[in-house]
């Protein structure tokens, strides 16, 4: 079974959120078999900064769905979208 790398966009609920703390929460919420391989930050607007983690998951039927659900359940996360997906 191969692996898939997905760049995701995680929008925080408010500009004042501690992004380092949010990143730690995202890393600890990952489902088994998934890992984060780098996180970028993107200035969105009005002081709001999105996290752009690149997540590697096994290439199986669920794809990034479990990671999206896990990230959505983290306190302080407004939304999660998949920006780009590719096989590695």
C-alpha atoms as a PDB file:
ATOM      1  CA  UNK A   1       0.000   0.000   0.000  1.00  0.00           C
ATOM      2  CA  UNK A   2       1.315   3.452  -0.931  1.00  0.00           C
ATOM      3  CA  UNK A   3       1.008   6.751   0.853  1.00  0.00           C
ATOM      4  CA  UNK A   4      -0.712  10.015   0.082  1.00  0.00           C
ATOM      5  CA  UNK A   5       0.519  13.512   0.987  1.00  0.00           C
ATOM      6  CA  UNK A   6      -2.171  16.129   1.446  1.00  0.00           C
ATOM      7  CA  UNK A   7      -1.701  19.832   2.082  1.00  0.00           C
ATOM      8  CA  UNK A   8      -4.563  20.953   4.272  1.00  0.00           C
ATOM      9  CA  UNK A   9      -5.753  24.406   5.255  1.00  0.00           C
ATOM     10  CA  UNK A  10      -6.810  24.773   8.882  1.00  0.00           C
ATOM     11  CA  UNK A  11      -8.574  28.046   9.711  1.00  0.00           C
ATOM     12  CA  UNK A  12      -8.599  29.091  13.372  1.00  0.00           C
ATOM     13  CA  UNK A  13     -11.778  30.540  14.893  1.00  0.00           C
ATOM     14  CA  UNK A  14     -10.159  33.861  15.793  1.00  0.00           C
ATOM     15  CA  UNK A  15      -7.000  35.860  15.040  1.00  0.00           C
ATOM     16  CA  UNK A  16      -5.883  35.883  18.682  1.00  0.00           C
ATOM     17  CA  UNK A  17      -5.440  32.092  18.878  1.00  0.00           C
ATOM     18  CA  UNK A  18      -1.976  30.755  19.766  1.00  0.00           C
ATOM     19  CA  UNK A  19      -0.907  29.042  16.525  1.00  0.00           C
ATOM     20  CA  UNK A  20       1.896  27.041  18.158  1.00  0.00           C
ATOM     21  CA  UNK A  21      -0.575  25.587  20.650  1.00  0.00           C
ATOM     22  CA  UNK A  22      -3.102  24.896  17.884  1.00  0.00           C
ATOM     23  CA  UNK A  23      -0.414  23.108  15.868  1.00  0.00           C
ATOM     24  CA  UNK A  24       0.411  20.888  18.872  1.00  0.00           C
ATOM     25  CA  UNK A  25      -3.284  20.039  19.283  1.00  0.00           C
ATOM     26  CA  UNK A  26      -3.528  19.109  15.600  1.00  0.00           C
ATOM     27  CA  UNK A  27      -0.474  16.839  15.873  1.00  0.00           C
ATOM     28  CA  UNK A  28      -1.857  15.085  18.941  1.00  0.00           C
ATOM     29  CA  UNK A  29      -5.265  14.552  17.270  1.00  0.00           C
ATOM     30  CA  UNK A  30      -3.869  12.630  14.281  1.00  0.00           C
ATOM     31  CA  UNK A  31      -5.351   9.180  13.675  1.00  0.00           C
ATOM     32  CA  UNK A  32      -3.063   6.140  13.727  1.00  0.00           C
ATOM     33  CA  UNK A  33      -0.888   5.868  10.635  1.00  0.00           C
ATOM     34  CA  UNK A  34      -0.971   9.593   9.815  1.00  0.00           C
ATOM     35  CA  UNK A  35       1.858  12.054  10.348  1.00  0.00           C
ATOM     36  CA  UNK A  36       2.515  15.739   9.752  1.00  0.00           C
ATOM     37  CA  UNK A  37       5.550  16.515   7.592  1.00  0.00           C
ATOM     38  CA  UNK A  38       5.831  20.244   7.880  1.00  0.00           C
ATOM     39  CA  UNK A  39       3.496  23.141   8.580  1.00  0.00           C
ATOM     40  CA  UNK A  40       3.372  26.460   6.755  1.00  0.00           C
ATOM     41  CA  UNK A  41       1.467  29.568   7.777  1.00  0.00           C
ATOM     42  CA  UNK A  42      -0.613  31.744   5.483  1.00  0.00           C
ATOM     43  CA  UNK A  43      -1.706  35.294   6.325  1.00  0.00           C
ATOM     44  CA  UNK A  44      -5.358  35.351   5.325  1.00  0.00           C
ATOM     45  CA  UNK A  45      -6.753  38.765   6.344  1.00  0.00           C
ATOM     46  CA  UNK A  46      -7.264  41.083   9.304  1.00  0.00           C
ATOM     47  CA  UNK A  47      -4.606  39.308  11.396  1.00  0.00           C
ATOM     48  CA  UNK A  48      -6.021  35.839  10.743  1.00  0.00           C
ATOM     49  CA  UNK A  49      -3.360  33.238   9.942  1.00  0.00           C
ATOM     50  CA  UNK A  50      -4.181  29.772   8.565  1.00  0.00           C
ATOM     51  CA  UNK A  51      -2.063  26.692   9.260  1.00  0.00           C
ATOM     52  CA  UNK A  52      -1.134  24.606   6.211  1.00  0.00           C
ATOM     53  CA  UNK A  53       0.042  21.209   7.462  1.00  0.00           C
ATOM     54  CA  UNK A  54       1.227  18.593   4.977  1.00  0.00           C
ATOM     55  CA  UNK A  55      -0.170  15.294   6.222  1.00  0.00           C
ATOM     56  CA  UNK A  56       0.973  11.858   5.049  1.00  0.00           C
ATOM     57  CA  UNK A  57      -1.598   9.048   5.300  1.00  0.00           C
ATOM     58  CA  UNK A  58      -1.815   5.484   3.978  1.00  0.00           C
ATOM     59  CA  UNK A  59      -3.398   5.258   0.526  1.00  0.00           C
ATOM     60  CA  UNK A  60      -6.535   3.367   1.496  1.00  0.00           C
ATOM     61  CA  UNK A  61     -10.270   3.818   1.009  1.00  0.00           C
ATOM     62  CA  UNK A  62     -10.683   6.599   3.607  1.00  0.00           C
ATOM     63  CA  UNK A  63      -7.926   8.846   2.289  1.00  0.00           C
ATOM     64  CA  UNK A  64      -7.722  12.096   4.253  1.00  0.00           C
ATOM     65  CA  UNK A  65     -11.231  11.838   5.687  1.00  0.00           C
ATOM     66  CA  UNK A  66     -10.128  10.628   9.140  1.00  0.00           C
ATOM     67  CA  UNK A  67      -7.581  13.446   9.403  1.00  0.00           C
ATOM     68  CA  UNK A  68     -10.155  16.043   8.330  1.00  0.00           C
ATOM     69  CA  UNK A  69     -12.565  14.791  10.998  1.00  0.00           C
ATOM     70  CA  UNK A  70      -9.843  14.743  13.673  1.00  0.00           C
ATOM     71  CA  UNK A  71      -8.697  18.291  12.843  1.00  0.00           C
ATOM     72  CA  UNK A  72     -12.306  19.564  12.765  1.00  0.00           C
ATOM     73  CA  UNK A  73     -12.801  18.290  16.310  1.00  0.00           C
ATOM     74  CA  UNK A  74      -9.863  20.268  17.717  1.00  0.00           C
ATOM     75  CA  UNK A  75     -10.825  23.208  19.927  1.00  0.00           C
ATOM     76  CA  UNK A  76     -10.171  26.515  18.155  1.00  0.00           C
ATOM     77  CA  UNK A  77     -10.549  25.179  14.604  1.00  0.00           C
ATOM     78  CA  UNK A  78     -13.138  26.923  12.430  1.00  0.00           C
ATOM     79  CA  UNK A  79     -12.725  24.875   9.240  1.00  0.00           C
ATOM     80  CA  UNK A  80     -10.527  22.297   7.505  1.00  0.00           C
ATOM     81  CA  UNK A  81     -10.115  21.950   3.754  1.00  0.00           C
ATOM     82  CA  UNK A  82      -7.838  19.869   1.559  1.00  0.00           C
ATOM     83  CA  UNK A  83      -5.796  22.118  -0.721  1.00  0.00           C
ATOM     84  CA  UNK A  84      -3.739  19.543  -2.641  1.00  0.00           C
ATOM     85  CA  UNK A  85      -3.318  15.747  -2.700  1.00  0.00           C
ATOM     86  CA  UNK A  86      -0.675  13.570  -4.308  1.00  0.00           C
ATOM     87  CA  UNK A  87       0.779  10.072  -4.035  1.00  0.00           C
ATOM     88  CA  UNK A  88       4.278   9.578  -2.696  1.00  0.00           C
END
